[in-house]
Amino acid sequence: MRLGCTYSFAVLFLALAAHSAAIGWGPEGHKVTALIAEKHLERNAKAAVKRILGSGGLADVANIADEIRNERAAPWHFVNIPVNAKTLDRARFCLAGNCVVAAAERFRDELKRPDGSPETQRKALYNLVHFVGDLHQPLHCADRHDRGGNDVKVRLGNRRSNLHRVWDSDIIEEQHPDFESFARALDAAITGEEIRAWSDGTPESWALESHRLAREVAYRFQLQPSGDVFLGQRYVRQSASVIDLQLCRAGIRLAFVLNRIFQ
């Protein structure tokens, strides 16, 4: 029986307990999303990406938006939707277009423009790749007065981290340090039914989906008397499964957006 987009995490918890350094959803997760997307690009979109980027591919530009992050003050990488909210109130949480939902929409629309210069198109493409990825990280789309989990101290075995870092970095890097083989494994598990189901929606609907996963999975833990949170094996297992799912969705949806733009 095929279970769809999941990956083995049999030794994940023990590996996390011993791990001392991690690569983020940024460099590894964004490259995984980009590689999955490339597998699902149609002919016109493939040609357009090659024309815009020249040599290299989507994975090579997937992290530029993080690399230049300090040059731009606008909080384009997240949207702080309160964890118990049911909708995205843009007037409160995406003021003046300063959130990841509006950023993805803005660069999608820029990439559509037929009169865009080569540099404008390249910038729009690498930003779109990155922000579609950010939209699918649950703690980039939810907040509980804790900066998306950054202020929540956690323990994984005998080491300390914070909740956002666990979702951004620790679990992904320990699932598989080789992002190319990780991407291949995830892509091979995606079913045709999943592709059809995920090839739809908008940046806002994807953010609200991530927000729901933050509420139902990422924020489902018990505080210890010390104020720390111990993330047990069951929590890590559930989180790893959701992260796999979200990386797959992000890759398929990025391909969906690019295919529509260049059809």
Protein backbone atom coordinates (compact mmCIF):
# COMPACT_ATOMS: atom_id res chain seq x y z
CA MET A 1 0.00 0.00 0.00
CA ARG A 2 1.47 3.34 -1.06
CA LEU A 3 1.26 6.03 1.59
CA GLY A 4 2.18 9.04 -0.53
CA CYS A 5 4.71 11.69 0.40
CA THR A 6 6.42 10.35 3.53
CA TYR A 7 10.00 9.44 4.41
CA SER A 8 11.52 7.00 6.89
CA PHE A 9 12.39 8.46 10.29
CA ALA A 10 13.26 5.26 12.18
CA VAL A 11 16.50 6.64 13.65
CA LEU A 12 15.53 10.32 13.65
CA PHE A 13 14.93 10.79 17.36
CA LEU A 14 18.25 9.28 18.44
CA ALA A 15 20.08 11.30 15.82
CA LEU A 16 18.48 14.51 16.99
CA ALA A 17 19.42 13.80 20.58
CA ALA A 18 23.11 13.61 19.63
CA HIS A 19 23.16 16.37 17.02
CA SER A 20 25.07 19.60 17.73
CA ALA A 21 24.66 21.65 14.54
CA ALA A 22 21.92 21.93 11.93
CA ILE A 23 21.25 23.32 8.51
CA GLY A 24 18.00 25.22 8.17
CA TRP A 25 14.80 24.89 6.19
CA GLY A 26 16.61 27.61 4.30
CA PRO A 27 19.54 25.92 2.53
CA GLU A 28 18.36 22.29 2.68
CA GLY A 29 14.57 22.57 2.72
CA HIS A 30 14.41 25.20 0.01
CA LYS A 31 16.69 23.18 -2.25
CA VAL A 32 14.53 20.09 -1.73
CA THR A 33 11.42 22.08 -2.70
CA ALA A 34 13.18 23.45 -5.80
CA LEU A 35 14.37 20.01 -6.94
CA ILE A 36 10.90 18.53 -6.57
CA ALA A 37 9.43 21.44 -8.53
CA GLU A 38 11.91 20.95 -11.39
CA LYS A 39 10.73 17.36 -11.80
CA HIS A 40 7.20 18.61 -12.48
CA LEU A 41 7.84 21.56 -14.80
CA GLU A 42 6.21 21.42 -18.20
CA ARG A 43 8.21 22.09 -21.37
CA ASN A 44 7.46 25.82 -21.62
CA ALA A 45 8.25 26.41 -17.95
CA LYS A 46 11.52 24.47 -18.22
CA ALA A 47 12.54 26.58 -21.20
CA ALA A 48 11.62 29.80 -19.40
CA VAL A 49 13.58 28.87 -16.27
CA LYS A 50 16.63 28.05 -18.40
CA ARG A 51 16.31 31.34 -20.28
CA ILE A 52 16.04 33.34 -17.04
CA LEU A 53 18.73 31.56 -15.04
CA GLY A 54 21.11 30.44 -17.76
CA SER A 55 23.29 27.76 -16.20
CA GLY A 56 22.12 26.10 -13.01
CA GLY A 57 18.61 25.47 -11.83
CA LEU A 58 16.02 26.42 -9.23
CA ALA A 59 17.95 24.84 -6.35
CA ASP A 60 20.92 27.09 -7.10
CA VAL A 61 18.86 30.24 -6.48
CA ALA A 62 16.45 28.93 -3.84
CA ASN A 63 18.26 30.59 -0.92
CA ILE A 64 19.21 33.97 -2.37
CA ALA A 65 16.29 35.61 -0.54
CA ASP A 66 17.77 34.43 2.77
CA GLU A 67 21.30 35.42 1.81
CA ILE A 68 20.23 39.03 1.22
CA ARG A 69 17.74 39.07 4.09
CA ASN A 70 19.66 41.65 6.13
CA GLU A 71 19.52 44.09 3.25
CA ARG A 72 15.74 44.31 3.46
CA ALA A 73 13.81 45.19 6.61
CA ALA A 74 10.40 44.07 5.37
CA PRO A 75 9.28 40.82 7.11
CA TRP A 76 8.58 39.00 3.86
CA HIS A 77 9.53 35.53 5.14
CA PHE A 78 6.57 34.96 7.49
CA VAL A 79 3.07 36.01 8.46
CA ASN A 80 2.19 36.13 12.15
CA ILE A 81 -1.36 34.76 12.09
CA PRO A 82 -2.47 34.18 15.71
CA VAL A 83 -2.59 30.46 16.32
CA ASN A 84 -6.33 30.47 17.16
CA ALA A 85 -7.36 32.66 14.21
CA LYS A 86 -9.47 31.16 11.42
CA THR A 87 -8.67 33.66 8.66
CA LEU A 88 -5.84 35.94 7.59
CA ASP A 89 -6.65 39.55 8.45
CA ARG A 90 -4.31 41.32 6.03
CA ALA A 91 -4.98 44.73 7.49
CA ARG A 92 -3.50 43.55 10.79
CA PHE A 93 -0.99 40.85 9.89
CA CYS A 94 0.13 41.77 6.38
CA LEU A 95 0.19 45.53 6.64
CA ALA A 96 1.37 47.25 3.44
CA GLY A 97 2.07 43.87 1.88
CA ASN A 98 4.83 43.05 4.35
CA CYS A 99 4.31 39.32 4.81
CA VAL A 100 5.18 36.10 3.00
CA VAL A 101 1.74 35.78 1.39
CA ALA A 102 1.97 39.17 -0.28
CA ALA A 103 5.63 38.61 -1.19
CA ALA A 104 4.80 35.38 -3.04
CA GLU A 105 1.92 37.10 -4.85
CA ARG A 106 4.06 40.10 -5.76
CA PHE A 107 6.91 38.11 -7.30
CA ARG A 108 4.50 35.74 -9.05
CA ASP A 109 2.87 38.75 -10.70
CA GLU A 110 6.25 40.30 -11.58
CA LEU A 111 7.32 37.08 -13.25
CA LYS A 112 4.17 37.17 -15.40
CA ARG A 113 5.01 40.57 -16.88
CA PRO A 114 6.10 40.19 -20.51
CA ASP A 115 8.03 43.47 -20.42
CA GLY A 116 10.20 42.61 -17.43
CA SER A 117 13.95 43.01 -17.84
CA PRO A 118 16.18 39.91 -17.51
CA GLU A 119 17.35 41.03 -14.08
CA THR A 120 13.78 41.75 -12.92
CA GLN A 121 12.68 38.30 -14.05
CA ARG A 122 15.63 36.61 -12.36
CA LYS A 123 14.91 38.44 -9.11
CA ALA A 124 11.21 37.58 -9.32
CA LEU A 125 11.99 33.92 -9.95
CA TYR A 126 14.45 33.39 -7.11
CA ASN A 127 12.18 35.22 -4.67
CA LEU A 128 9.12 33.25 -5.77
CA VAL A 129 10.98 29.95 -5.31
CA HIS A 130 11.99 30.94 -1.81
CA PHE A 131 8.71 32.40 -0.58
CA VAL A 132 6.59 29.51 -1.82
CA GLY A 133 8.86 27.37 0.34
CA ASP A 134 8.46 29.65 3.37
CA LEU A 135 4.67 29.53 3.00
CA HIS A 136 4.78 25.80 3.71
CA GLN A 137 6.74 25.96 6.98
CA PRO A 138 3.95 25.92 9.60
CA LEU A 139 5.76 28.19 12.06
CA HIS A 140 6.31 30.80 9.35
CA CYS A 141 2.52 31.18 9.25
CA ALA A 142 1.49 31.07 12.91
CA ASP A 143 2.34 32.81 16.15
CA ARG A 144 1.47 32.42 19.83
CA HIS A 145 3.14 35.60 21.09
CA ASP A 146 6.44 33.73 20.78
CA ARG A 147 7.86 34.92 17.43
CA GLY A 148 6.67 31.82 15.62
CA GLY A 149 8.12 29.48 18.23
CA ASN A 150 11.53 31.18 18.44
CA ASP A 151 10.92 32.02 22.11
CA VAL A 152 9.83 28.48 23.05
CA LYS A 153 12.79 26.65 24.61
CA VAL A 154 12.75 22.92 23.94
CA ARG A 155 14.75 19.82 24.79
CA LEU A 156 15.44 17.04 22.30
CA GLY A 157 16.98 14.20 24.24
CA ASN A 158 19.96 15.80 26.02
CA ARG A 159 20.29 18.92 23.88
CA ARG A 160 18.48 22.24 23.84
CA SER A 161 16.99 24.15 20.93
CA ASN A 162 13.91 26.27 20.25
CA LEU A 163 10.66 25.24 18.62
CA HIS A 164 11.14 27.26 15.44
CA ARG A 165 14.63 25.89 14.94
CA VAL A 166 13.36 22.34 15.37
CA TRP A 167 10.95 22.87 12.48
CA ASP A 168 13.25 25.10 10.44
CA SER A 169 16.43 23.09 10.85
CA ASP A 170 16.90 20.16 13.17
CA ILE A 171 14.41 17.65 11.81
CA ILE A 172 15.12 18.27 8.12
CA GLU A 173 18.89 18.03 8.43
CA GLU A 174 18.71 14.84 10.47
CA GLN A 175 16.19 13.15 8.19
CA HIS A 176 18.79 13.19 5.46
CA PRO A 177 21.95 15.33 5.21
CA ASP A 178 22.08 14.82 1.42
CA PHE A 179 19.33 17.08 0.10
CA GLU A 180 19.47 15.63 -3.43
CA SER A 181 18.76 12.06 -2.36
CA PHE A 182 16.17 13.35 0.13
CA ALA A 183 14.40 15.22 -2.67
CA ARG A 184 14.46 12.14 -4.91
CA ALA A 185 13.01 9.97 -2.14
CA LEU A 186 10.22 12.42 -1.39
CA ASP A 187 9.39 12.95 -5.05
CA ALA A 188 9.26 9.22 -5.72
CA ALA A 189 6.60 8.86 -3.02
CA ILE A 190 4.27 11.57 -4.41
CA THR A 191 1.20 10.02 -6.00
CA GLY A 192 -0.70 11.23 -9.03
CA GLU A 193 -3.69 11.87 -6.81
CA GLU A 194 -1.57 14.13 -4.58
CA ILE A 195 -0.24 16.05 -7.58
CA ARG A 196 -3.78 16.72 -8.80
CA ALA A 197 -4.98 17.74 -5.33
CA TRP A 198 -2.06 20.08 -4.65
CA SER A 199 -2.02 21.77 -8.08
CA ASP A 200 -4.51 24.36 -6.94
CA GLY A 201 -4.94 27.16 -4.46
CA THR A 202 -3.30 30.50 -3.70
CA PRO A 203 -0.51 31.73 -1.44
CA GLU A 204 -3.14 32.75 1.12
CA SER A 205 -4.84 29.34 1.15
CA TRP A 206 -1.44 27.64 1.46
CA ALA A 207 -0.52 29.89 4.40
CA LEU A 208 -3.78 29.04 6.16
CA GLU A 209 -3.12 25.34 5.58
CA SER A 210 0.32 25.76 7.19
CA HIS A 211 -1.28 27.74 10.01
CA ARG A 212 -3.66 24.85 10.73
CA LEU A 213 -0.73 22.42 10.89
CA ALA A 214 1.05 24.73 13.33
CA ARG A 215 -2.01 24.72 15.58
CA GLU A 216 -2.68 20.97 15.30
CA VAL A 217 0.90 19.63 15.32
CA ALA A 218 3.72 22.14 15.93
CA TYR A 219 2.12 23.75 18.99
CA ARG A 220 0.83 20.48 20.50
CA PHE A 221 3.25 20.03 23.38
CA GLN A 222 3.24 20.18 27.16
CA LEU A 223 5.18 22.77 29.15
CA GLN A 224 7.42 21.37 31.89
CA PRO A 225 7.55 22.99 35.37
CA SER A 226 10.90 24.49 34.37
CA GLY A 227 9.24 26.31 31.49
CA ASP A 228 11.07 24.15 28.93
CA VAL A 229 9.35 21.79 26.55
CA PHE A 230 10.49 18.21 26.13
CA LEU A 231 9.77 16.96 22.61
CA GLY A 232 9.38 13.22 22.79
CA GLN A 233 9.69 10.60 20.10
CA ARG A 234 5.99 10.73 19.20
CA TYR A 235 6.10 14.51 18.68
CA VAL A 236 9.24 14.28 16.53
CA ARG A 237 7.73 11.46 14.46
CA GLN A 238 4.54 13.44 13.77
CA SER A 239 6.51 16.60 13.01
CA ALA A 240 8.84 14.80 10.58
CA SER A 241 5.83 13.43 8.71
CA VAL A 242 4.30 16.91 8.41
CA ILE A 243 7.59 18.43 7.26
CA ASP A 244 7.92 15.78 4.54
CA LEU A 245 4.37 16.51 3.44
CA GLN A 246 4.93 20.27 3.35
CA LEU A 247 8.15 20.01 1.35
CA CYS A 248 6.32 17.87 -1.20
CA ARG A 249 3.38 20.26 -1.38
CA ALA A 250 5.70 23.23 -1.76
CA GLY A 251 7.54 21.58 -4.66
CA ILE A 252 4.37 20.58 -6.51
CA ARG A 253 2.78 24.00 -5.96
CA LEU A 254 5.87 25.86 -7.11
CA ALA A 255 5.78 23.82 -10.32
CA PHE A 256 2.04 24.54 -10.60
CA VAL A 257 2.64 28.30 -10.36
CA LEU A 258 5.51 28.29 -12.86
CA ASN A 259 3.62 26.09 -15.32
CA ARG A 260 0.67 28.50 -15.25
CA ILE A 261 2.87 31.55 -15.69
CA PHE A 262 4.68 30.14 -18.71
CA GLN A 263 1.94 28.09 -20.33
